[in-house]
Amino acid sequence: MESLPDRPAVVLAAIPARYGATRFPGKPLAEILGRPMIAWVVEAARAAGRVDDVAVVTDDESVARAARNAGARAVVSLRSAASGSDRIAHLLAADPIAGRATIVVNVQGDEPLIEPGAIDAAVDALAADSAADIVTLVRTLRGGEDANDPNLVKAVVGHTGRALYFSRAPIPSGGAGRIHVGLYAYRRAAFDRFVTAPPTALEETERLEQLRALELGLVIRCVAFDSHSIAVDVPADIARVEAALQRPAPGRAGGSGSDQSG
């Protein structure tokens, strides 16, 4: 991330980090190899070459302090929020610098292994495709993964690269499908329209908010990126992340090399 003191951010990496998570209270501060998880996420976002500004929105001052110590700006919002996107909307309203962003990248606060190259791939694809409102990432199903696992969200992508549907079920029928990587780059107008619209029936059925965007008619472009990010949902996931961090991985912040988009 370049230092840009003389102009407002254009590309904002917004990181929602909820302290009061039901399954894992205090999750953003969980230690991973001696550092809080939020610090790993901030480091990855700051290492992305296409990002101008990194800001964390949280419900707890201790998380905000850890984020600032890692180099991000942070806003504490105690307003109720149904999703990370709603928290980012609070950030944009409360923080004048974030509020000037023209591209908003939703970087999940519980994915400490997200690659800087994944963020750059999403932003580059949005810049290259004027018809896209949102860009997200997909990858192939890996050995040992089960397409029936509802925690692996599947994407159906048309021949033009546009998302047709997302589901927790194994789709398309008879095919391995593509696994969705939960990172989004939004044009600001698309983000504002998305967060001000009410949840839709499909969204609530699948428990996938990106379906709201599709029902609104927003164009989601899917970019292939072989991300090895691991979402931390429960305390047991910390050991998996620590094991992965101790293995060399191209494209990770502090690692060697970068991954590709396609």
C-alpha atoms as a PDB file:
ATOM      1  CA  MET A   1       0.000   0.000   0.000  1.00  0.00           C
ATOM      2  CA  GLU A   2       1.425   3.359  -1.018  1.00  0.00           C
ATOM      3  CA  SER A   3       1.342   6.394   1.267  1.00  0.00           C
ATOM      4  CA  LEU A   4      -1.014   8.976  -0.186  1.00  0.00           C
ATOM      5  CA  PRO A   5      -1.140  11.929   2.194  1.00  0.00           C
ATOM      6  CA  ASP A   6      -2.101  14.489  -0.434  1.00  0.00           C
ATOM      7  CA  ARG A   7      -5.200  12.881  -1.930  1.00  0.00           C
ATOM      8  CA  PRO A   8      -8.165  10.897  -0.635  1.00  0.00           C
ATOM      9  CA  ALA A   9      -8.272   7.141  -0.967  1.00  0.00           C
ATOM     10  CA  VAL A  10      -9.757   5.754  -4.158  1.00  0.00           C
ATOM     11  CA  VAL A  11      -9.504   2.026  -3.361  1.00  0.00           C
ATOM     12  CA  LEU A  12     -10.467   1.240   0.219  1.00  0.00           C
ATOM     13  CA  ALA A  13      -9.831  -2.136   1.815  1.00  0.00           C
ATOM     14  CA  ALA A  14     -12.583  -2.242   4.442  1.00  0.00           C
ATOM     15  CA  ILE A  15     -12.242  -4.932   7.093  1.00  0.00           C
ATOM     16  CA  PRO A  16     -15.266  -5.701   9.281  1.00  0.00           C
ATOM     17  CA  ALA A  17     -14.098  -7.338  12.531  1.00  0.00           C
ATOM     18  CA  ARG A  18     -16.769  -8.281  15.054  1.00  0.00           C
ATOM     19  CA  TYR A  19     -15.589  -8.910  18.615  1.00  0.00           C
ATOM     20  CA  GLY A  20     -18.940 -10.279  19.765  1.00  0.00           C
ATOM     21  CA  ALA A  21     -19.123 -13.251  17.383  1.00  0.00           C
ATOM     22  CA  THR A  22     -21.486 -15.900  18.731  1.00  0.00           C
ATOM     23  CA  ARG A  23     -19.368 -18.966  17.927  1.00  0.00           C
ATOM     24  CA  PHE A  24     -16.025 -17.351  18.759  1.00  0.00           C
ATOM     25  CA  PRO A  25     -16.245 -14.299  21.039  1.00  0.00           C
ATOM     26  CA  GLY A  26     -13.162 -12.098  20.795  1.00  0.00           C
ATOM     27  CA  LYS A  27     -12.173 -13.677  17.490  1.00  0.00           C
ATOM     28  CA  PRO A  28     -10.332 -10.671  15.967  1.00  0.00           C
ATOM     29  CA  LEU A  29      -7.937 -10.694  18.931  1.00  0.00           C
ATOM     30  CA  ALA A  30      -7.282 -14.443  18.872  1.00  0.00           C
ATOM     31  CA  GLU A  31      -3.528 -14.988  18.837  1.00  0.00           C
ATOM     32  CA  ILE A  32      -1.974 -16.501  15.727  1.00  0.00           C
ATOM     33  CA  LEU A  33       1.727 -17.140  16.172  1.00  0.00           C
ATOM     34  CA  GLY A  34       1.825 -14.463  18.850  1.00  0.00           C
ATOM     35  CA  ARG A  35      -0.094 -11.746  16.964  1.00  0.00           C
ATOM     36  CA  PRO A  36      -3.817 -10.909  16.961  1.00  0.00           C
ATOM     37  CA  MET A  37      -5.701 -12.215  13.957  1.00  0.00           C
ATOM     38  CA  ILE A  38      -6.759  -8.721  12.888  1.00  0.00           C
ATOM     39  CA  ALA A  39      -3.069  -7.776  12.508  1.00  0.00           C
ATOM     40  CA  TRP A  40      -2.550 -10.537   9.935  1.00  0.00           C
ATOM     41  CA  VAL A  41      -5.550  -9.344   7.910  1.00  0.00           C
ATOM     42  CA  VAL A  42      -4.429  -5.711   8.053  1.00  0.00           C
ATOM     43  CA  GLU A  43      -0.922  -6.714   6.960  1.00  0.00           C
ATOM     44  CA  ALA A  44      -2.290  -8.520   3.896  1.00  0.00           C
ATOM     45  CA  ALA A  45      -4.494  -5.576   2.915  1.00  0.00           C
ATOM     46  CA  ARG A  46      -1.636  -3.105   3.346  1.00  0.00           C
ATOM     47  CA  ALA A  47       0.585  -5.275   1.141  1.00  0.00           C
ATOM     48  CA  ALA A  48      -1.868  -5.114  -1.781  1.00  0.00           C
ATOM     49  CA  GLY A  49      -0.457  -2.804  -4.424  1.00  0.00           C
ATOM     50  CA  ARG A  50      -3.870  -1.592  -5.639  1.00  0.00           C
ATOM     51  CA  VAL A  51      -5.096  -0.494  -2.207  1.00  0.00           C
ATOM     52  CA  ASP A  52      -4.872   3.163  -1.198  1.00  0.00           C
ATOM     53  CA  ASP A  53      -6.296   2.938   2.296  1.00  0.00           C
ATOM     54  CA  VAL A  54      -7.037   0.247   4.890  1.00  0.00           C
ATOM     55  CA  ALA A  55      -9.691   0.727   7.563  1.00  0.00           C
ATOM     56  CA  VAL A  56     -11.191  -1.618  10.129  1.00  0.00           C
ATOM     57  CA  VAL A  57     -14.724  -1.289  11.487  1.00  0.00           C
ATOM     58  CA  THR A  58     -15.406  -3.097  14.742  1.00  0.00           C
ATOM     59  CA  ASP A  59     -17.665  -3.177  17.761  1.00  0.00           C
ATOM     60  CA  ASP A  60     -14.835  -3.090  20.305  1.00  0.00           C
ATOM     61  CA  GLU A  61     -12.142  -0.549  21.160  1.00  0.00           C
ATOM     62  CA  SER A  62      -9.528  -3.240  21.864  1.00  0.00           C
ATOM     63  CA  VAL A  63      -9.892  -4.531  18.305  1.00  0.00           C
ATOM     64  CA  ALA A  64      -9.615  -0.988  16.976  1.00  0.00           C
ATOM     65  CA  ARG A  65      -6.436  -0.474  18.984  1.00  0.00           C
ATOM     66  CA  ALA A  66      -4.897  -3.698  17.617  1.00  0.00           C
ATOM     67  CA  ALA A  67      -5.832  -2.651  14.074  1.00  0.00           C
ATOM     68  CA  ARG A  68      -4.214   0.762  14.523  1.00  0.00           C
ATOM     69  CA  ASN A  69      -1.084  -0.866  15.916  1.00  0.00           C
ATOM     70  CA  ALA A  70      -0.935  -2.953  12.738  1.00  0.00           C
ATOM     71  CA  GLY A  71      -1.117   0.162  10.532  1.00  0.00           C
ATOM     72  CA  ALA A  72      -4.814   0.533   9.709  1.00  0.00           C
ATOM     73  CA  ARG A  73      -7.270   3.252  10.611  1.00  0.00           C
ATOM     74  CA  ALA A  74     -10.143   1.994  12.737  1.00  0.00           C
ATOM     75  CA  VAL A  75     -13.679   3.012  13.609  1.00  0.00           C
ATOM     76  CA  VAL A  76     -15.738   1.624  16.475  1.00  0.00           C
ATOM     77  CA  SER A  77     -19.418   1.324  15.626  1.00  0.00           C
ATOM     78  CA  LEU A  78     -21.891   0.055  18.201  1.00  0.00           C
ATOM     79  CA  ARG A  79     -24.814   0.214  15.789  1.00  0.00           C
ATOM     80  CA  SER A  80     -26.463  -3.145  15.168  1.00  0.00           C
ATOM     81  CA  ALA A  81     -25.403  -4.749  11.898  1.00  0.00           C
ATOM     82  CA  ALA A  82     -26.737  -7.873  10.236  1.00  0.00           C
ATOM     83  CA  SER A  83     -23.616  -8.453   8.150  1.00  0.00           C
ATOM     84  CA  GLY A  84     -20.089  -7.326   7.420  1.00  0.00           C
ATOM     85  CA  SER A  85     -21.408  -5.227   4.555  1.00  0.00           C
ATOM     86  CA  ASP A  86     -23.672  -3.343   6.949  1.00  0.00           C
ATOM     87  CA  ARG A  87     -20.665  -2.666   9.192  1.00  0.00           C
ATOM     88  CA  ILE A  88     -18.757  -1.304   6.208  1.00  0.00           C
ATOM     89  CA  ALA A  89     -21.687   1.005   5.468  1.00  0.00           C
ATOM     90  CA  HIS A  90     -21.306   2.326   9.033  1.00  0.00           C
ATOM     91  CA  LEU A  91     -17.593   2.868   8.363  1.00  0.00           C
ATOM     92  CA  LEU A  92     -18.259   4.842   5.185  1.00  0.00           C
ATOM     93  CA  ALA A  93     -20.765   7.030   7.026  1.00  0.00           C
ATOM     94  CA  ALA A  94     -18.565   7.634  10.073  1.00  0.00           C
ATOM     95  CA  ASP A  95     -15.117   8.070   8.556  1.00  0.00           C
ATOM     96  CA  PRO A  96     -14.587  10.995   6.122  1.00  0.00           C
ATOM     97  CA  ILE A  97     -11.542   9.395   4.459  1.00  0.00           C
ATOM     98  CA  ALA A  98     -13.276   6.068   3.900  1.00  0.00           C
ATOM     99  CA  GLY A  99     -16.358   7.921   2.732  1.00  0.00           C
ATOM    100  CA  ARG A 100     -14.469   9.273  -0.291  1.00  0.00           C
ATOM    101  CA  ALA A 101     -13.599   5.818  -1.628  1.00  0.00           C
ATOM    102  CA  THR A 102     -14.764   5.028  -5.157  1.00  0.00           C
ATOM    103  CA  ILE A 103     -13.973   1.300  -4.934  1.00  0.00           C
ATOM    104  CA  VAL A 104     -14.726  -0.603  -1.733  1.00  0.00           C
ATOM    105  CA  VAL A 105     -13.063  -3.974  -1.160  1.00  0.00           C
ATOM    106  CA  ASN A 106     -14.719  -6.082   1.517  1.00  0.00           C
ATOM    107  CA  VAL A 107     -11.863  -8.039   3.129  1.00  0.00           C
ATOM    108  CA  GLN A 108     -13.134 -10.510   5.694  1.00  0.00           C
ATOM    109  CA  GLY A 109     -11.694  -9.892   9.147  1.00  0.00           C
ATOM    110  CA  ASP A 110     -11.536 -13.613   9.916  1.00  0.00           C
ATOM    111  CA  GLU A 111      -9.339 -14.632   6.958  1.00  0.00           C
ATOM    112  CA  PRO A 112      -5.754 -14.077   8.134  1.00  0.00           C
ATOM    113  CA  LEU A 113      -4.320 -15.978   5.157  1.00  0.00           C
ATOM    114  CA  ILE A 114      -5.921 -13.836   2.447  1.00  0.00           C
ATOM    115  CA  GLU A 115      -3.323 -13.060  -0.191  1.00  0.00           C
ATOM    116  CA  PRO A 116      -2.547  -9.459  -1.215  1.00  0.00           C
ATOM    117  CA  GLY A 117      -2.667 -10.712  -4.796  1.00  0.00           C
ATOM    118  CA  ALA A 118      -6.275 -11.781  -4.307  1.00  0.00           C
ATOM    119  CA  ILE A 119      -7.212  -8.210  -3.416  1.00  0.00           C
ATOM    120  CA  ASP A 120      -5.253  -6.836  -6.382  1.00  0.00           C
ATOM    121  CA  ALA A 121      -6.846  -9.358  -8.762  1.00  0.00           C
ATOM    122  CA  ALA A 122     -10.334  -8.239  -7.762  1.00  0.00           C
ATOM    123  CA  VAL A 123      -9.532  -4.537  -8.097  1.00  0.00           C
ATOM    124  CA  ASP A 124      -7.765  -5.022 -11.444  1.00  0.00           C
ATOM    125  CA  ALA A 125     -10.710  -6.966 -12.836  1.00  0.00           C
ATOM    126  CA  LEU A 126     -13.176  -4.277 -11.742  1.00  0.00           C
ATOM    127  CA  ALA A 127     -11.045  -1.590 -13.375  1.00  0.00           C
ATOM    128  CA  ALA A 128     -10.834  -3.604 -16.594  1.00  0.00           C
ATOM    129  CA  ASP A 129     -14.546  -4.389 -16.911  1.00  0.00           C
ATOM    130  CA  SER A 130     -16.701  -1.282 -17.080  1.00  0.00           C
ATOM    131  CA  ALA A 131     -19.874  -3.394 -17.151  1.00  0.00           C
ATOM    132  CA  ALA A 132     -19.126  -5.091 -13.823  1.00  0.00           C
ATOM    133  CA  ASP A 133     -20.594  -3.663 -10.641  1.00  0.00           C
ATOM    134  CA  ILE A 134     -18.862  -6.148  -8.335  1.00  0.00           C
ATOM    135  CA  VAL A 135     -15.923  -8.533  -8.693  1.00  0.00           C
ATOM    136  CA  THR A 136     -15.446 -11.611  -6.558  1.00  0.00           C
ATOM    137  CA  LEU A 137     -13.116 -14.610  -6.708  1.00  0.00           C
ATOM    138  CA  VAL A 138     -13.568 -18.316  -7.390  1.00  0.00           C
ATOM    139  CA  ARG A 139     -11.296 -21.346  -7.325  1.00  0.00           C
ATOM    140  CA  THR A 140     -11.524 -25.037  -8.132  1.00  0.00           C
ATOM    141  CA  LEU A 141     -12.537 -27.731  -5.664  1.00  0.00           C
ATOM    142  CA  ARG A 142      -9.443 -29.280  -4.088  1.00  0.00           C
ATOM    143  CA  GLY A 143      -8.671 -32.864  -3.214  1.00  0.00           C
ATOM    144  CA  GLY A 144     -10.104 -33.715   0.174  1.00  0.00           C
ATOM    145  CA  GLU A 145     -12.872 -31.138  -0.121  1.00  0.00           C
ATOM    146  CA  ASP A 146     -16.500 -32.230  -0.366  1.00  0.00           C
ATOM    147  CA  ALA A 147     -18.812 -30.383  -2.741  1.00  0.00           C
ATOM    148  CA  ASN A 148     -21.669 -31.250  -0.375  1.00  0.00           C
ATOM    149  CA  ASP A 149     -20.081 -29.224   2.442  1.00  0.00           C
ATOM    150  CA  PRO A 150     -22.420 -26.253   2.988  1.00  0.00           C
ATOM    151  CA  ASN A 151     -19.500 -24.190   4.315  1.00  0.00           C
ATOM    152  CA  LEU A 152     -17.965 -24.314   0.844  1.00  0.00           C
ATOM    153  CA  VAL A 153     -20.092 -21.914  -1.172  1.00  0.00           C
ATOM    154  CA  LYS A 154     -20.405 -22.898  -4.814  1.00  0.00           C
ATOM    155  CA  ALA A 155     -20.651 -20.490  -7.755  1.00  0.00           C
ATOM    156  CA  VAL A 156     -22.147 -21.011 -11.192  1.00  0.00           C
ATOM    157  CA  VAL A 157     -20.324 -18.797 -13.673  1.00  0.00           C
ATOM    158  CA  GLY A 158     -21.429 -18.109 -17.228  1.00  0.00           C
ATOM    159  CA  HIS A 159     -19.133 -18.216 -20.256  1.00  0.00           C
ATOM    160  CA  THR A 160     -18.640 -14.431 -20.030  1.00  0.00           C
ATOM    161  CA  GLY A 161     -17.340 -14.703 -16.470  1.00  0.00           C
ATOM    162  CA  ARG A 162     -20.541 -13.359 -14.925  1.00  0.00           C
ATOM    163  CA  ALA A 163     -21.963 -14.991 -11.803  1.00  0.00           C
ATOM    164  CA  LEU A 164     -25.284 -16.716 -12.445  1.00  0.00           C
ATOM    165  CA  TYR A 165     -25.926 -18.114  -8.969  1.00  0.00           C
ATOM    166  CA  PHE A 166     -24.312 -19.000  -5.641  1.00  0.00           C
ATOM    167  CA  SER A 167     -25.392 -21.818  -3.372  1.00  0.00           C
ATOM    168  CA  ARG A 168     -24.334 -23.938  -0.424  1.00  0.00           C
ATOM    169  CA  ALA A 169     -25.639 -26.936  -2.375  1.00  0.00           C
ATOM    170  CA  PRO A 170     -23.412 -28.741  -4.928  1.00  0.00           C
ATOM    171  CA  ILE A 171     -24.162 -26.888  -8.156  1.00  0.00           C
ATOM    172  CA  PRO A 172     -24.283 -27.252 -11.101  1.00  0.00           C
ATOM    173  CA  SER A 173     -25.745 -30.743 -11.022  1.00  0.00           C
ATOM    174  CA  GLY A 174     -23.187 -33.357 -12.032  1.00  0.00           C
ATOM    175  CA  GLY A 175     -20.295 -30.902 -12.011  1.00  0.00           C
ATOM    176  CA  ALA A 176     -17.614 -29.969  -9.511  1.00  0.00           C
ATOM    177  CA  GLY A 177     -18.553 -26.304  -9.811  1.00  0.00           C
ATOM    178  CA  ARG A 178     -16.352 -23.513  -8.517  1.00  0.00           C
ATOM    179  CA  ILE A 179     -15.718 -22.603  -4.920  1.00  0.00           C
ATOM    180  CA  HIS A 180     -16.435 -19.024  -3.970  1.00  0.00           C
ATOM    181  CA  VAL A 181     -13.715 -17.006  -2.214  1.00  0.00           C
ATOM    182  CA  GLY A 182     -15.467 -14.461   0.002  1.00  0.00           C
ATOM    183  CA  LEU A 183     -13.778 -11.262  -1.100  1.00  0.00           C
ATOM    184  CA  TYR A 184     -15.619  -8.520  -3.010  1.00  0.00           C
ATOM    185  CA  ALA A 185     -14.584  -5.371  -4.835  1.00  0.00           C
ATOM    186  CA  TYR A 186     -17.526  -2.995  -5.347  1.00  0.00           C
ATOM    187  CA  ARG A 187     -17.966   0.164  -7.315  1.00  0.00           C
ATOM    188  CA  ARG A 188     -19.147   2.650  -4.750  1.00  0.00           C
ATOM    189  CA  ALA A 189     -22.533   3.206  -6.374  1.00  0.00           C
ATOM    190  CA  ALA A 190     -23.134  -0.558  -6.462  1.00  0.00           C
ATOM    191  CA  PHE A 191     -22.148  -0.936  -2.813  1.00  0.00           C
ATOM    192  CA  ASP A 192     -24.457   1.887  -1.735  1.00  0.00           C
ATOM    193  CA  ARG A 193     -27.353   0.389  -3.680  1.00  0.00           C
ATOM    194  CA  PHE A 194     -26.657  -3.070  -2.282  1.00  0.00           C
ATOM    195  CA  VAL A 195     -26.516  -2.113   1.398  1.00  0.00           C
ATOM    196  CA  THR A 196     -29.607   0.075   1.269  1.00  0.00           C
ATOM    197  CA  ALA A 197     -31.754  -2.680  -0.287  1.00  0.00           C
ATOM    198  CA  PRO A 198     -33.619  -5.066   2.020  1.00  0.00           C
ATOM    199  CA  PRO A 199     -32.611  -8.749   2.181  1.00  0.00           C
ATOM    200  CA  THR A 200     -34.251 -10.939  -0.427  1.00  0.00           C
ATOM    201  CA  ALA A 201     -35.964 -14.311  -0.094  1.00  0.00           C
ATOM    202  CA  LEU A 202     -33.176 -16.144  -1.930  1.00  0.00           C
ATOM    203  CA  GLU A 203     -30.545 -14.468   0.216  1.00  0.00           C
ATOM    204  CA  GLU A 204     -32.292 -15.574   3.380  1.00  0.00           C
ATOM    205  CA  THR A 205     -32.879 -19.107   2.091  1.00  0.00           C
ATOM    206  CA  GLU A 206     -29.246 -19.685   1.149  1.00  0.00           C
ATOM    207  CA  ARG A 207     -27.813 -17.362   3.843  1.00  0.00           C
ATOM    208  CA  LEU A 208     -25.716 -15.700   1.110  1.00  0.00           C
ATOM    209  CA  GLU A 209     -25.969 -11.930   0.810  1.00  0.00           C
ATOM    210  CA  GLN A 210     -24.426 -11.841  -2.695  1.00  0.00           C
ATOM    211  CA  LEU A 211     -27.725 -13.223  -3.987  1.00  0.00           C
ATOM    212  CA  ARG A 212     -29.287  -9.879  -3.063  1.00  0.00           C
ATOM    213  CA  ALA A 213     -26.884  -8.229  -5.505  1.00  0.00           C
ATOM    214  CA  LEU A 214     -27.890 -10.611  -8.281  1.00  0.00           C
ATOM    215  CA  GLU A 215     -31.585 -10.043  -7.596  1.00  0.00           C
ATOM    216  CA  LEU A 216     -30.989  -6.296  -7.785  1.00  0.00           C
ATOM    217  CA  GLY A 217     -29.591  -6.812 -11.287  1.00  0.00           C
ATOM    218  CA  LEU A 218     -26.021  -5.964 -10.294  1.00  0.00           C
ATOM    219  CA  VAL A 219     -23.386  -7.605 -12.459  1.00  0.00           C
ATOM    220  CA  ILE A 220     -20.923  -9.758 -10.516  1.00  0.00           C
ATOM    221  CA  ARG A 221     -17.808 -10.799 -12.387  1.00  0.00           C
ATOM    222  CA  CYS A 222     -15.990 -13.872 -11.105  1.00  0.00           C
ATOM    223  CA  VAL A 223     -12.212 -14.062 -11.401  1.00  0.00           C
ATOM    224  CA  ALA A 224     -10.263 -17.297 -10.990  1.00  0.00           C
ATOM    225  CA  PHE A 225      -7.736 -17.066  -8.179  1.00  0.00           C
ATOM    226  CA  ASP A 226      -6.183 -20.038  -6.430  1.00  0.00           C
ATOM    227  CA  SER A 227      -6.552 -18.650  -2.921  1.00  0.00           C
ATOM    228  CA  HIS A 228      -5.456 -20.771   0.022  1.00  0.00           C
ATOM    229  CA  SER A 229      -7.172 -18.576   2.581  1.00  0.00           C
ATOM    230  CA  ILE A 230      -8.769 -20.304   5.575  1.00  0.00           C
ATOM    231  CA  ALA A 231     -11.756 -18.738   7.300  1.00  0.00           C
ATOM    232  CA  VAL A 232     -11.563 -18.821  11.089  1.00  0.00           C
ATOM    233  CA  ASP A 233     -15.053 -19.728  12.290  1.00  0.00           C
ATOM    234  CA  VAL A 234     -14.304 -21.564  15.549  1.00  0.00           C
ATOM    235  CA  PRO A 235     -11.277 -21.726  17.881  1.00  0.00           C
ATOM    236  CA  ALA A 236     -10.141 -25.037  16.385  1.00  0.00           C
ATOM    237  CA  ASP A 237      -9.445 -23.248  13.085  1.00  0.00           C
ATOM    238  CA  ILE A 238      -6.549 -21.330  14.656  1.00  0.00           C
ATOM    239  CA  ALA A 239      -4.334 -24.439  14.630  1.00  0.00           C
ATOM    240  CA  ARG A 240      -5.013 -24.942  10.903  1.00  0.00           C
ATOM    241  CA  VAL A 241      -4.055 -21.345  10.181  1.00  0.00           C
ATOM    242  CA  GLU A 242      -0.872 -21.544  12.232  1.00  0.00           C
ATOM    243  CA  ALA A 243       0.153 -24.733  10.457  1.00  0.00           C
ATOM    244  CA  ALA A 244      -0.441 -23.078   7.091  1.00  0.00           C
ATOM    245  CA  LEU A 245       1.542 -19.988   8.067  1.00  0.00           C
ATOM    246  CA  GLN A 246       4.529 -22.147   8.911  1.00  0.00           C
ATOM    247  CA  ARG A 247       4.552 -23.537   5.356  1.00  0.00           C
ATOM    248  CA  PRO A 248       5.925 -21.427   2.459  1.00  0.00           C
ATOM    249  CA  ALA A 249       3.131 -19.994   0.324  1.00  0.00           C
ATOM    250  CA  PRO A 250       3.521 -17.780  -2.759  1.00  0.00           C
ATOM    251  CA  GLY A 251       1.339 -14.697  -2.753  1.00  0.00           C
ATOM    252  CA  ARG A 252       0.930 -14.357   1.007  1.00  0.00           C
ATOM    253  CA  ALA A 253       1.947 -11.105   2.688  1.00  0.00           C
ATOM    254  CA  GLY A 254       5.630 -11.466   3.502  1.00  0.00           C
ATOM    255  CA  GLY A 255       5.911 -14.468   1.161  1.00  0.00           C
ATOM    256  CA  SER A 256       7.616 -14.826  -2.189  1.00  0.00           C
ATOM    257  CA  GLY A 257       5.784 -14.291  -5.435  1.00  0.00           C
ATOM    258  CA  SER A 258       2.147 -13.638  -6.217  1.00  0.00           C
ATOM    259  CA  ASP A 259      -0.804 -15.638  -7.454  1.00  0.00           C
ATOM    260  CA  GLN A 260      -2.702 -15.162 -10.657  1.00  0.00           C
ATOM    261  CA  SER A 261      -6.114 -14.110 -11.826  1.00  0.00           C
ATOM    262  CA  GLY A 262      -7.793 -15.447 -14.870  1.00  0.00           C
END
